[in-house]
C-alpha atoms as a PDB file:
ATOM      1  CA  MET A   1       6.880  65.931  27.904  1.00  0.00           C
ATOM      2  CA  ILE A   2       8.184  69.436  28.881  1.00  0.00           C
ATOM      3  CA  CYS A   3       7.144  71.863  26.210  1.00  0.00           C
ATOM      4  CA  ALA A   4       5.788  69.411  23.994  1.00  0.00           C
ATOM      5  CA  LYS A   5       2.732  71.464  22.931  1.00  0.00           C
ATOM      6  CA  GLN A   6       5.125  74.484  22.031  1.00  0.00           C
ATOM      7  CA  VAL A   7       7.244  72.207  19.964  1.00  0.00           C
ATOM      8  CA  PHE A   8       4.615  70.548  18.299  1.00  0.00           C
ATOM      9  CA  CYS A   9       2.986  73.374  17.159  1.00  0.00           C
ATOM     10  CA  CYS A  10       6.300  74.843  15.953  1.00  0.00           C
ATOM     11  CA  PHE A  11       6.708  71.826  13.847  1.00  0.00           C
ATOM     12  CA  LYS A  12       3.265  72.026  12.753  1.00  0.00           C
ATOM     13  CA  TRP A  13       3.245  75.478  11.458  1.00  0.00           C
ATOM     14  CA  ILE A  14       6.666  74.900   9.706  1.00  0.00           C
ATOM     15  CA  GLU A  15       5.088  71.790   8.026  1.00  0.00           C
ATOM     16  CA  ARG A  16       2.078  73.629   6.767  1.00  0.00           C
ATOM     17  CA  ALA A  17       4.402  76.668   5.620  1.00  0.00           C
ATOM     18  CA  GLY A  18       6.514  74.054   3.804  1.00  0.00           C
ATOM     19  CA  ASP A  19       3.445  72.395   2.313  1.00  0.00           C
ATOM     20  CA  ARG A  20       2.030  75.705   0.719  1.00  0.00           C
ATOM     21  CA  ILE A  21       5.671  76.549  -0.581  1.00  0.00           C
ATOM     22  CA  THR A  22       6.676  73.412  -1.985  1.00  0.00           C
ATOM     23  CA  GLY A  23       3.829  71.813  -3.213  1.00  0.00           C
ATOM     24  CA  ALA A  24       4.592  69.387  -5.809  1.00  0.00           C
ATOM     25  CA  ALA A  25       8.155  70.424  -5.431  1.00  0.00           C
ATOM     26  CA  GLY A  26       9.074  67.466  -3.151  1.00  0.00           C
ATOM     27  CA  PRO A  27      10.888  65.408  -5.851  1.00  0.00           C
ATOM     28  CA  PHE A  28      13.236  68.450  -6.475  1.00  0.00           C
ATOM     29  CA  PHE A  29      14.161  68.734  -2.755  1.00  0.00           C
ATOM     30  CA  ILE A  30      15.000  65.163  -2.397  1.00  0.00           C
ATOM     31  CA  SER A  31      17.147  65.561  -5.426  1.00  0.00           C
ATOM     32  CA  LEU A  32      18.745  68.930  -3.844  1.00  0.00           C
ATOM     33  CA  ALA A  33      19.266  66.772  -0.663  1.00  0.00           C
ATOM     34  CA  VAL A  34      20.944  63.868  -2.569  1.00  0.00           C
ATOM     35  CA  CYS A  35      23.210  66.235  -4.364  1.00  0.00           C
ATOM     36  CA  LEU A  36      24.415  68.081  -1.348  1.00  0.00           C
ATOM     37  CA  LEU A  37      24.946  64.880   0.601  1.00  0.00           C
ATOM     38  CA  SER A  38      27.101  63.498  -2.075  1.00  0.00           C
ATOM     39  CA  THR A  39      29.032  66.683  -2.287  1.00  0.00           C
ATOM     40  CA  GLY A  40      29.891  66.637   1.133  1.00  0.00           C
ATOM     41  CA  VAL A  41      31.061  63.118   0.823  1.00  0.00           C
ATOM     42  CA  VAL A  42      33.268  64.236  -2.044  1.00  0.00           C
ATOM     43  CA  CYS A  43      34.511  67.177  -0.027  1.00  0.00           C
ATOM     44  CA  PHE A  44      35.279  64.825   3.150  1.00  0.00           C
ATOM     45  CA  PHE A  45      36.806  62.061   1.459  1.00  0.00           C
ATOM     46  CA  ASP A  46      39.118  64.266  -0.765  1.00  0.00           C
ATOM     47  CA  VAL A  47      40.145  66.975   1.992  1.00  0.00           C
ATOM     48  CA  ILE A  48      39.470  65.802   5.424  1.00  0.00           C
ATOM     49  CA  GLN A  49      39.648  62.004   5.322  1.00  0.00           C
ATOM     50  CA  PRO A  50      43.432  61.648   4.209  1.00  0.00           C
ATOM     51  CA  THR A  51      44.693  63.564   7.070  1.00  0.00           C
ATOM     52  CA  LEU A  52      42.899  61.443   9.524  1.00  0.00           C
ATOM     53  CA  GLY A  53      45.333  58.862  11.986  1.00  0.00           C
ATOM     54  CA  TRP A  54      44.505  55.620  11.789  1.00  0.00           C
ATOM     55  CA  PRO A  55      43.379  55.079   8.600  1.00  0.00           C
ATOM     56  CA  TRP A  56      42.823  51.446   8.693  1.00  0.00           C
ATOM     57  CA  LEU A  57      40.000  52.128  11.486  1.00  0.00           C
ATOM     58  CA  THR A  58      38.784  55.530  10.461  1.00  0.00           C
ATOM     59  CA  THR A  59      38.283  55.015   6.537  1.00  0.00           C
ATOM     60  CA  PRO A  60      35.954  51.747   7.254  1.00  0.00           C
ATOM     61  CA  LEU A  61      34.230  53.778  10.193  1.00  0.00           C
ATOM     62  CA  CYS A  62      33.446  56.719   8.021  1.00  0.00           C
ATOM     63  CA  MET A  63      32.299  54.774   4.669  1.00  0.00           C
ATOM     64  CA  LEU A  64      30.115  52.827   7.486  1.00  0.00           C
ATOM     65  CA  VAL A  65      28.498  56.254   8.315  1.00  0.00           C
ATOM     66  CA  VAL A  66      27.879  57.260   4.528  1.00  0.00           C
ATOM     67  CA  ILE A  67      26.552  53.900   3.577  1.00  0.00           C
ATOM     68  CA  ASN A  68      23.924  54.152   6.576  1.00  0.00           C
ATOM     69  CA  LEU A  69      23.402  57.967   5.540  1.00  0.00           C
ATOM     70  CA  PHE A  70      22.374  57.135   1.720  1.00  0.00           C
ATOM     71  CA  VAL A  71      20.458  53.908   2.642  1.00  0.00           C
ATOM     72  CA  HIS A  72      18.281  55.137   5.308  1.00  0.00           C
ATOM     73  CA  TYR A  73      17.610  58.405   3.643  1.00  0.00           C
ATOM     74  CA  TYR A  74      16.587  56.158   0.681  1.00  0.00           C
ATOM     75  CA  LEU A  75      14.301  53.909   2.423  1.00  0.00           C
ATOM     76  CA  VAL A  76      12.474  56.897   4.458  1.00  0.00           C
ATOM     77  CA  CYS A  77      11.559  58.306   1.133  1.00  0.00           C
ATOM     78  CA  THR A  78      10.399  54.906  -0.402  1.00  0.00           C
ATOM     79  CA  VAL A  79       8.981  52.744   2.074  1.00  0.00           C
ATOM     80  CA  SER A  80       5.304  53.546   2.422  1.00  0.00           C
ATOM     81  CA  PRO A  81       4.718  54.709   6.094  1.00  0.00           C
ATOM     82  CA  GLY A  82       1.771  52.427   6.530  1.00  0.00           C
ATOM     83  CA  PHE A  83      -1.654  53.538   5.629  1.00  0.00           C
ATOM     84  CA  VAL A  84      -4.781  52.075   7.175  1.00  0.00           C
ATOM     85  CA  ASP A  85      -6.528  51.214   3.781  1.00  0.00           C
ATOM     86  CA  GLU A  86      -3.292  48.978   2.661  1.00  0.00           C
ATOM     87  CA  PRO A  87      -3.670  45.431   2.835  1.00  0.00           C
ATOM     88  CA  PRO A  88      -1.392  43.533   5.318  1.00  0.00           C
ATOM     89  CA  ARG A  89       2.036  43.274   4.336  1.00  0.00           C
ATOM     90  CA  PRO A  90       3.868  40.078   3.591  1.00  0.00           C
ATOM     91  CA  GLN A  91       6.895  39.148   5.791  1.00  0.00           C
ATOM     92  CA  GLY A  92       9.908  40.747   4.086  1.00  0.00           C
ATOM     93  CA  SER A  93      12.670  38.741   2.613  1.00  0.00           C
ATOM     94  CA  GLY A  94      15.626  39.192   0.608  1.00  0.00           C
ATOM     95  CA  TRP A  95      19.453  40.165   0.770  1.00  0.00           C
ATOM     96  CA  MET A  96      18.316  43.553   2.197  1.00  0.00           C
ATOM     97  CA  TRP A  97      16.079  41.875   5.226  1.00  0.00           C
ATOM     98  CA  ALA A  98      17.829  41.082   8.284  1.00  0.00           C
ATOM     99  CA  LYS A  99      16.901  37.848   9.937  1.00  0.00           C
ATOM    100  CA  LYS A 100      14.970  38.049  13.241  1.00  0.00           C
ATOM    101  CA  ARG A 101      16.250  36.004  16.295  1.00  0.00           C
ATOM    102  CA  SER A 102      13.005  34.034  16.686  1.00  0.00           C
ATOM    103  CA  ALA A 103       9.649  33.481  15.409  1.00  0.00           C
ATOM    104  CA  ARG A 104       7.371  36.158  15.230  1.00  0.00           C
ATOM    105  CA  ARG A 105       5.149  36.837  18.313  1.00  0.00           C
ATOM    106  CA  PRO A 106       1.252  36.672  17.463  1.00  0.00           C
ATOM    107  CA  LEU A 107      -0.494  40.183  16.681  1.00  0.00           C
ATOM    108  CA  ALA A 108      -3.569  39.718  17.725  1.00  0.00           C
ATOM    109  CA  GLY A 109      -5.897  39.618  20.988  1.00  0.00           C
ATOM    110  CA  VAL A 110      -4.223  39.806  24.540  1.00  0.00           C
ATOM    111  CA  HIS A 111      -1.165  38.086  25.247  1.00  0.00           C
ATOM    112  CA  TRP A 112       0.357  38.271  28.976  1.00  0.00           C
ATOM    113  CA  THR A 113       3.927  37.286  29.366  1.00  0.00           C
ATOM    114  CA  GLU A 114       6.614  38.295  31.973  1.00  0.00           C
ATOM    115  CA  GLU A 115       7.815  40.807  29.413  1.00  0.00           C
ATOM    116  CA  LEU A 116       5.296  42.189  27.174  1.00  0.00           C
ATOM    117  CA  ASN A 117       1.535  42.814  27.423  1.00  0.00           C
ATOM    118  CA  LEU A 118       0.580  43.111  23.744  1.00  0.00           C
ATOM    119  CA  THR A 119      -3.045  43.955  23.410  1.00  0.00           C
ATOM    120  CA  LYS A 120      -5.409  44.709  20.174  1.00  0.00           C
ATOM    121  CA  ALA A 121      -5.952  48.326  19.454  1.00  0.00           C
ATOM    122  CA  THR A 122      -9.309  49.863  19.636  1.00  0.00           C
ATOM    123  CA  THR A 123     -10.867  51.315  16.543  1.00  0.00           C
ATOM    124  CA  THR A 124     -12.512  54.418  15.537  1.00  0.00           C
ATOM    125  CA  LYS A 125     -13.834  56.003  12.247  1.00  0.00           C
ATOM    126  CA  CYS A 126     -12.273  58.861  10.667  1.00  0.00           C
ATOM    127  CA  ARG A 127     -14.333  61.935  10.160  1.00  0.00           C
ATOM    128  CA  LYS A 128     -12.536  62.770   6.908  1.00  0.00           C
ATOM    129  CA  CYS A 129     -11.642  59.551   4.904  1.00  0.00           C
ATOM    130  CA  GLY A 130     -14.317  57.444   6.732  1.00  0.00           C
ATOM    131  CA  GLU A 131     -11.853  54.615   7.359  1.00  0.00           C
ATOM    132  CA  MET A 132     -11.931  52.598  10.424  1.00  0.00           C
ATOM    133  CA  ARG A 133      -8.460  52.763  11.881  1.00  0.00           C
ATOM    134  CA  PRO A 134      -6.563  51.418  14.986  1.00  0.00           C
ATOM    135  CA  GLU A 135      -5.502  53.742  17.639  1.00  0.00           C
ATOM    136  CA  ARG A 136      -2.265  55.507  17.111  1.00  0.00           C
ATOM    137  CA  ALA A 137      -3.395  56.338  13.531  1.00  0.00           C
ATOM    138  CA  HIS A 138      -4.130  59.825  12.815  1.00  0.00           C
ATOM    139  CA  HIS A 139      -5.358  61.304   9.499  1.00  0.00           C
ATOM    140  CA  CYS A 140      -2.520  63.214   7.494  1.00  0.00           C
ATOM    141  CA  ARG A 141      -4.375  66.452   5.776  1.00  0.00           C
ATOM    142  CA  ILE A 142      -1.641  66.461   2.988  1.00  0.00           C
ATOM    143  CA  CYS A 143      -1.672  62.611   1.940  1.00  0.00           C
ATOM    144  CA  LYS A 144      -5.555  62.547   2.785  1.00  0.00           C
ATOM    145  CA  ARG A 145      -5.207  59.123   4.244  1.00  0.00           C
ATOM    146  CA  CYS A 146      -5.115  57.595   7.661  1.00  0.00           C
ATOM    147  CA  VAL A 147      -1.408  56.631   8.539  1.00  0.00           C
ATOM    148  CA  LEU A 148      -0.339  53.743  11.292  1.00  0.00           C
ATOM    149  CA  LYS A 149       1.530  55.295  14.189  1.00  0.00           C
ATOM    150  CA  TYR A 150       1.316  58.524  12.500  1.00  0.00           C
ATOM    151  CA  ASP A 151       4.538  60.729  13.412  1.00  0.00           C
ATOM    152  CA  HIS A 152       4.376  63.777  11.052  1.00  0.00           C
ATOM    153  CA  HIS A 153       4.324  64.662   7.551  1.00  0.00           C
ATOM    154  CA  CYS A 154       7.666  65.701   5.993  1.00  0.00           C
ATOM    155  CA  PRO A 155       7.212  67.862   2.886  1.00  0.00           C
ATOM    156  CA  VAL A 156      10.513  68.954   1.900  1.00  0.00           C
ATOM    157  CA  ARG A 157      13.475  66.201   3.104  1.00  0.00           C
ATOM    158  CA  VAL A 158      11.047  63.076   2.735  1.00  0.00           C
ATOM    159  CA  ASN A 159       8.172  64.417   0.751  1.00  0.00           C
ATOM    160  CA  GLN A 160       5.571  61.773   2.688  1.00  0.00           C
ATOM    161  CA  CYS A 161       4.416  60.773   5.833  1.00  0.00           C
ATOM    162  CA  VAL A 162       6.773  59.282   8.569  1.00  0.00           C
ATOM    163  CA  GLY A 163       4.761  56.480  10.111  1.00  0.00           C
ATOM    164  CA  LEU A 164       4.999  52.822  11.294  1.00  0.00           C
ATOM    165  CA  HIS A 165       6.954  51.263   8.654  1.00  0.00           C
ATOM    166  CA  ASN A 166       9.542  54.178   7.850  1.00  0.00           C
ATOM    167  CA  GLU A 167       9.705  55.962  11.114  1.00  0.00           C
ATOM    168  CA  ARG A 168      12.986  53.626  12.114  1.00  0.00           C
ATOM    169  CA  HIS A 169      14.790  54.845   9.120  1.00  0.00           C
ATOM    170  CA  PHE A 170      13.824  58.114   9.635  1.00  0.00           C
ATOM    171  CA  VAL A 171      15.281  58.531  12.980  1.00  0.00           C
ATOM    172  CA  LEU A 172      18.466  56.445  12.212  1.00  0.00           C
ATOM    173  CA  PHE A 173      19.071  58.892   9.125  1.00  0.00           C
ATOM    174  CA  MET A 174      18.903  61.661  11.438  1.00  0.00           C
ATOM    175  CA  VAL A 175      21.488  59.967  13.745  1.00  0.00           C
ATOM    176  CA  TYR A 176      23.847  59.237  11.292  1.00  0.00           C
ATOM    177  CA  LEU A 177      23.523  62.893   9.542  1.00  0.00           C
ATOM    178  CA  SER A 178      24.329  64.230  13.046  1.00  0.00           C
ATOM    179  CA  ILE A 179      27.459  61.951  13.585  1.00  0.00           C
ATOM    180  CA  ALA A 180      28.708  62.797   9.736  1.00  0.00           C
ATOM    181  CA  THR A 181      28.013  66.571  10.247  1.00  0.00           C
ATOM    182  CA  PHE A 182      29.826  66.635  13.534  1.00  0.00           C
ATOM    183  CA  VAL A 183      32.686  64.656  12.474  1.00  0.00           C
ATOM    184  CA  TYR A 184      33.062  67.239   9.246  1.00  0.00           C
ATOM    185  CA  ALA A 185      32.793  70.033  11.375  1.00  0.00           C
ATOM    186  CA  TRP A 186      35.213  68.927  14.110  1.00  0.00           C
ATOM    187  CA  CYS A 187      37.949  67.360  11.718  1.00  0.00           C
ATOM    188  CA  GLY A 188      37.472  70.036   9.079  1.00  0.00           C
ATOM    189  CA  TRP A 189      38.111  73.048  11.284  1.00  0.00           C
ATOM    190  CA  SER A 190      42.086  73.430  10.030  1.00  0.00           C
ATOM    191  CA  HIS A 191      41.201  73.042   6.608  1.00  0.00           C
ATOM    192  CA  VAL A 192      38.824  75.931   6.696  1.00  0.00           C
ATOM    193  CA  LEU A 193      41.622  77.846   7.847  1.00  0.00           C
ATOM    194  CA  SER A 194      44.012  76.710   4.939  1.00  0.00           C
ATOM    195  CA  ALA A 195      40.917  77.427   2.289  1.00  0.00           C
ATOM    196  CA  LEU A 196      40.777  80.912   3.635  1.00  0.00           C
ATOM    197  CA  GLY A 197      44.655  81.097   2.889  1.00  0.00           C
ATOM    198  CA  TRP A 198      45.827  81.514   6.660  1.00  0.00           C
ATOM    199  CA  PHE A 199      48.843  79.024   5.919  1.00  0.00           C
ATOM    200  CA  SER A 200      51.373  79.286   3.241  1.00  0.00           C
ATOM    201  CA  GLU A 201      50.796  75.703   1.760  1.00  0.00           C
ATOM    202  CA  PRO A 202      48.912  75.738  -1.308  1.00  0.00           C
ATOM    203  CA  TRP A 203      45.484  74.090  -1.554  1.00  0.00           C
ATOM    204  CA  ALA A 204      46.244  70.640  -3.049  1.00  0.00           C
ATOM    205  CA  HIS A 205      42.900  68.943  -3.393  1.00  0.00           C
ATOM    206  CA  HIS A 206      40.316  68.274  -6.153  1.00  0.00           C
ATOM    207  CA  VAL A 207      37.469  70.241  -4.781  1.00  0.00           C
ATOM    208  CA  SER A 208      37.693  74.031  -4.689  1.00  0.00           C
ATOM    209  CA  GLU A 209      38.266  76.028  -1.579  1.00  0.00           C
ATOM    210  CA  LEU A 210      34.724  78.106  -2.099  1.00  0.00           C
ATOM    211  CA  ALA A 211      32.914  74.419  -2.551  1.00  0.00           C
ATOM    212  CA  PHE A 212      34.678  73.296   0.682  1.00  0.00           C
ATOM    213  CA  LEU A 213      33.897  76.164   2.598  1.00  0.00           C
ATOM    214  CA  MET A 214      30.236  76.251   1.719  1.00  0.00           C
ATOM    215  CA  ILE A 215      29.612  72.827   2.251  1.00  0.00           C
ATOM    216  CA  TYR A 216      31.296  73.362   5.578  1.00  0.00           C
ATOM    217  CA  ILE A 217      29.120  76.133   6.555  1.00  0.00           C
ATOM    218  CA  LEU A 218      26.067  73.892   5.736  1.00  0.00           C
ATOM    219  CA  THR A 219      27.285  71.367   7.822  1.00  0.00           C
ATOM    220  CA  ALA A 220      27.811  73.194  10.997  1.00  0.00           C
ATOM    221  CA  VAL A 221      24.242  74.437  10.519  1.00  0.00           C
ATOM    222  CA  LEU A 222      22.910  71.019   9.984  1.00  0.00           C
ATOM    223  CA  PHE A 223      24.666  69.714  12.873  1.00  0.00           C
ATOM    224  CA  LEU A 224      22.926  71.995  15.462  1.00  0.00           C
ATOM    225  CA  ALA A 225      19.612  71.723  13.479  1.00  0.00           C
ATOM    226  CA  VAL A 226      19.497  67.891  12.910  1.00  0.00           C
ATOM    227  CA  THR A 227      21.171  67.149  16.682  1.00  0.00           C
ATOM    228  CA  ILE A 228      18.209  69.008  18.248  1.00  0.00           C
ATOM    229  CA  MET A 229      15.733  67.430  15.998  1.00  0.00           C
ATOM    230  CA  ALA A 230      17.080  63.702  16.503  1.00  0.00           C
ATOM    231  CA  SER A 231      17.368  64.417  20.172  1.00  0.00           C
ATOM    232  CA  TYR A 232      13.569  65.219  20.677  1.00  0.00           C
ATOM    233  CA  HIS A 233      12.504  62.222  18.512  1.00  0.00           C
ATOM    234  CA  ILE A 234      14.867  60.061  20.552  1.00  0.00           C
ATOM    235  CA  TYR A 235      13.519  61.446  23.654  1.00  0.00           C
ATOM    236  CA  GLY A 236      10.038  60.880  22.335  1.00  0.00           C
ATOM    237  CA  ILE A 237      11.036  57.241  21.711  1.00  0.00           C
ATOM    238  CA  THR A 238      12.102  56.786  25.304  1.00  0.00           C
ATOM    239  CA  CYS A 239       8.775  58.175  26.475  1.00  0.00           C
ATOM    240  CA  GLY A 240       6.842  55.726  24.244  1.00  0.00           C
ATOM    241  CA  GLU A 241       5.164  58.512  22.423  1.00  0.00           C
ATOM    242  CA  THR A 242       5.225  59.847  18.836  1.00  0.00           C
ATOM    243  CA  THR A 243       5.712  63.813  17.867  1.00  0.00           C
ATOM    244  CA  VAL A 244       1.938  64.085  17.694  1.00  0.00           C
ATOM    245  CA  GLU A 245       1.110  61.952  20.511  1.00  0.00           C
ATOM    246  CA  SER A 246       3.268  64.097  22.719  1.00  0.00           C
ATOM    247  CA  GLN A 247       0.768  66.723  22.199  1.00  0.00           C
ATOM    248  CA  ASP A 248      -2.245  64.617  22.821  1.00  0.00           C
ATOM    249  CA  HIS A 249      -1.034  63.286  25.870  1.00  0.00           C
ATOM    250  CA  GLU A 250      -0.425  66.855  27.124  1.00  0.00           C
ATOM    251  CA  HIS A 251      -4.045  67.291  26.365  1.00  0.00           C
ATOM    252  CA  TYR A 252      -5.359  64.173  28.021  1.00  0.00           C
ATOM    253  CA  ARG A 253      -3.155  65.097  31.272  1.00  0.00           C
ATOM    254  CA  HIS A 254      -4.968  68.310  31.281  1.00  0.00           C
ATOM    255  CA  LEU A 255      -8.362  66.654  30.943  1.00  0.00           C
ATOM    256  CA  ALA A 256      -7.422  64.248  33.591  1.00  0.00           C
ATOM    257  CA  LYS A 257      -5.969  66.916  35.981  1.00  0.00           C
ATOM    258  CA  GLY A 258      -9.281  68.630  35.801  1.00  0.00           C
ATOM    259  CA  ARG A 259     -11.049  65.676  37.177  1.00  0.00           C
ATOM    260  CA  GLY A 260      -8.891  64.927  40.037  1.00  0.00           C
ATOM    261  CA  GLU A 261      -7.066  62.271  37.739  1.00  0.00           C
ATOM    262  CA  ALA A 262      -3.942  61.219  36.567  1.00  0.00           C
ATOM    263  CA  PHE A 263      -3.239  60.563  33.004  1.00  0.00           C
ATOM    264  CA  VAL A 264      -0.740  57.396  32.049  1.00  0.00           C
ATOM    265  CA  ASN A 265       0.563  56.739  28.900  1.00  0.00           C
ATOM    266  CA  SER A 266      -0.032  52.725  28.994  1.00  0.00           C
ATOM    267  CA  TYR A 267       2.723  52.547  25.835  1.00  0.00           C
ATOM    268  CA  ASP A 268       5.420  53.822  28.061  1.00  0.00           C
ATOM    269  CA  LEU A 269       7.092  50.600  29.212  1.00  0.00           C
ATOM    270  CA  GLY A 270      10.257  52.264  30.373  1.00  0.00           C
ATOM    271  CA  ARG A 271      13.171  53.919  28.581  1.00  0.00           C
ATOM    272  CA  ARG A 272      15.083  50.804  27.468  1.00  0.00           C
ATOM    273  CA  LYS A 273      11.840  48.718  26.791  1.00  0.00           C
ATOM    274  CA  ASN A 274      10.699  51.634  24.692  1.00  0.00           C
ATOM    275  CA  LEU A 275      13.912  52.082  22.665  1.00  0.00           C
ATOM    276  CA  GLU A 276      14.066  48.133  22.119  1.00  0.00           C
ATOM    277  CA  LEU A 277      10.646  47.908  20.863  1.00  0.00           C
ATOM    278  CA  PHE A 278      11.098  50.887  18.393  1.00  0.00           C
ATOM    279  CA  PHE A 279      14.202  49.645  16.665  1.00  0.00           C
ATOM    280  CA  ASN A 280      12.820  45.955  17.405  1.00  0.00           C
ATOM    281  CA  ILE A 281      15.943  44.656  18.675  1.00  0.00           C
ATOM    282  CA  ASP A 282      14.364  42.761  22.074  1.00  0.00           C
ATOM    283  CA  ARG A 283      14.943  39.028  22.401  1.00  0.00           C
ATOM    284  CA  ASN A 284      12.098  38.536  19.626  1.00  0.00           C
ATOM    285  CA  GLY A 285      13.171  40.895  17.327  1.00  0.00           C
ATOM    286  CA  TYR A 286      16.424  41.633  15.344  1.00  0.00           C
ATOM    287  CA  PRO A 287      20.079  41.833  16.274  1.00  0.00           C
ATOM    288  CA  TRP A 288      21.660  44.751  17.760  1.00  0.00           C
ATOM    289  CA  TYR A 289      24.047  45.161  14.821  1.00  0.00           C
ATOM    290  CA  THR A 290      21.015  45.945  12.267  1.00  0.00           C
ATOM    291  CA  LEU A 291      21.187  49.687  14.137  1.00  0.00           C
ATOM    292  CA  PHE A 292      25.090  49.830  12.561  1.00  0.00           C
ATOM    293  CA  ILE A 293      24.159  47.517   9.388  1.00  0.00           C
ATOM    294  CA  PRO A 294      21.443  49.465   7.208  1.00  0.00           C
ATOM    295  CA  LEU A 295      19.078  46.274   6.698  1.00  0.00           C
ATOM    296  CA  ARG A 296      15.468  46.373   6.446  1.00  0.00           C
ATOM    297  CA  THR A 297      13.415  45.372   9.507  1.00  0.00           C
ATOM    298  CA  GLU A 298       9.962  45.097  10.584  1.00  0.00           C
ATOM    299  CA  PRO A 299       8.182  46.846  13.029  1.00  0.00           C
ATOM    300  CA  TYR A 300       7.470  44.636  16.561  1.00  0.00           C
ATOM    301  CA  THR A 301       3.554  44.871  15.400  1.00  0.00           C
ATOM    302  CA  ASP A 302       1.393  45.487  12.465  1.00  0.00           C
ATOM    303  CA  GLY A 303       0.096  48.740  13.916  1.00  0.00           C
ATOM    304  CA  ARG A 304      -3.291  47.004  15.176  1.00  0.00           C
ATOM    305  CA  SER A 305      -1.767  45.797  18.344  1.00  0.00           C
ATOM    306  CA  TRP A 306       0.500  47.437  21.059  1.00  0.00           C
ATOM    307  CA  ALA A 307       2.408  46.692  23.938  1.00  0.00           C
ATOM    308  CA  ARG A 308       1.442  48.261  27.058  1.00  0.00           C
ATOM    309  CA  ARG A 309       2.271  48.354  30.714  1.00  0.00           C
ATOM    310  CA  GLN A 310       1.243  45.146  32.620  1.00  0.00           C
ATOM    311  CA  GLY A 311      -2.254  45.395  33.688  1.00  0.00           C
ATOM    312  CA  LEU A 312      -3.545  47.993  31.318  1.00  0.00           C
ATOM    313  CA  GLU A 313      -5.413  47.897  28.327  1.00  0.00           C
ATOM    314  CA  ARG A 314      -5.878  51.478  27.778  1.00  0.00           C
ATOM    315  CA  HIS A 315      -4.702  54.945  29.275  1.00  0.00           C
ATOM    316  CA  PRO A 316      -5.630  55.526  32.851  1.00  0.00           C
ATOM    317  CA  GLY A 317      -7.122  58.840  33.122  1.00  0.00           C
ATOM    318  CA  LEU A 318      -8.620  58.944  29.437  1.00  0.00           C
ATOM    319  CA  ARG A 319     -12.329  58.234  28.908  1.00  0.00           C
ATOM    320  CA  ASN A 320     -14.046  56.894  25.663  1.00  0.00           C
ATOM    321  CA  GLY A 321     -14.665  59.500  23.092  1.00  0.00           C
ATOM    322  CA  GLU A 322     -11.615  61.585  24.427  1.00  0.00           C
ATOM    323  CA  GLU A 323      -9.106  60.365  21.963  1.00  0.00           C
ATOM    324  CA  LEU A 324      -7.474  62.813  19.453  1.00  0.00           C
ATOM    325  CA  THR A 325      -7.032  61.044  15.871  1.00  0.00           C
ATOM    326  CA  ASP A 326      -6.345  64.165  13.898  1.00  0.00           C
ATOM    327  CA  GLU A 327      -3.761  67.158  14.456  1.00  0.00           C
ATOM    328  CA  GLU A 328      -6.471  69.778  14.018  1.00  0.00           C
ATOM    329  CA  ASP A 329      -8.486  68.438  17.180  1.00  0.00           C
ATOM    330  CA  ILE A 330      -6.494  70.538  19.386  1.00  0.00           C
END
């Protein structure tokens, strides 16, 4: 990935700085985020939404975005990312869980089909916690545990790791937050001028002009920041790699190149297939509407088997013992 190491190092520096600053204040920042999101929703439906055209269409769509925003944020904060030392999770059931299209595929061994090559993950022993962990698991220095398909630790917004079981909610939360902030910033511009007194009409809303202006400024900044982050994560998904793996794979490419070899990411099945597996909406997963209705879903694997390119059971160009399993390895 282009500039992956630089981007990852930047995120890592922010993560460590945030960890030192926030400490045990994670719940406070989550409460603050909920308050700000709620204030933004109130401002939107009080000031902007009544002026939108086709209310029979725009109102349900706006409500759908808001519901997705809050539900995915709640789930990414409360669903465990999946720790190596946890027992296997039972299959989810209940009204919050979506129904799969077909029976679940096996998770262990090597399964050759026309579409998917699902191989059992190799295991290594963590040098820090001593747990035997499958590939794609990394040790989190903050949680002090190994996380399945570790992406990163988010100390401020989420107050926990982002991993196998909550990464989908994390990405969808960022996508819907990007959509919400864009709509707020685009449709609220004329109301900003009104709040600044550019028009003679009085401010006839329950929300004060100052509150609306402050939320608008925050929304515009969030739109730029969140859209960049969401785009970065989605690009990583299309490449079949997590945030930490993007750095690892760049290191592997350098090692392989030094030997006159080429590193190949065996998890990369093509952009469309990578997206289908991440959101688990392929023919063996969940219906596509689960991207728009915030129901809970399971990942396509338990984290101990992974889909690879046909004919591959490991990364070409990577030798035994060269795998990176902690962010401090580089």
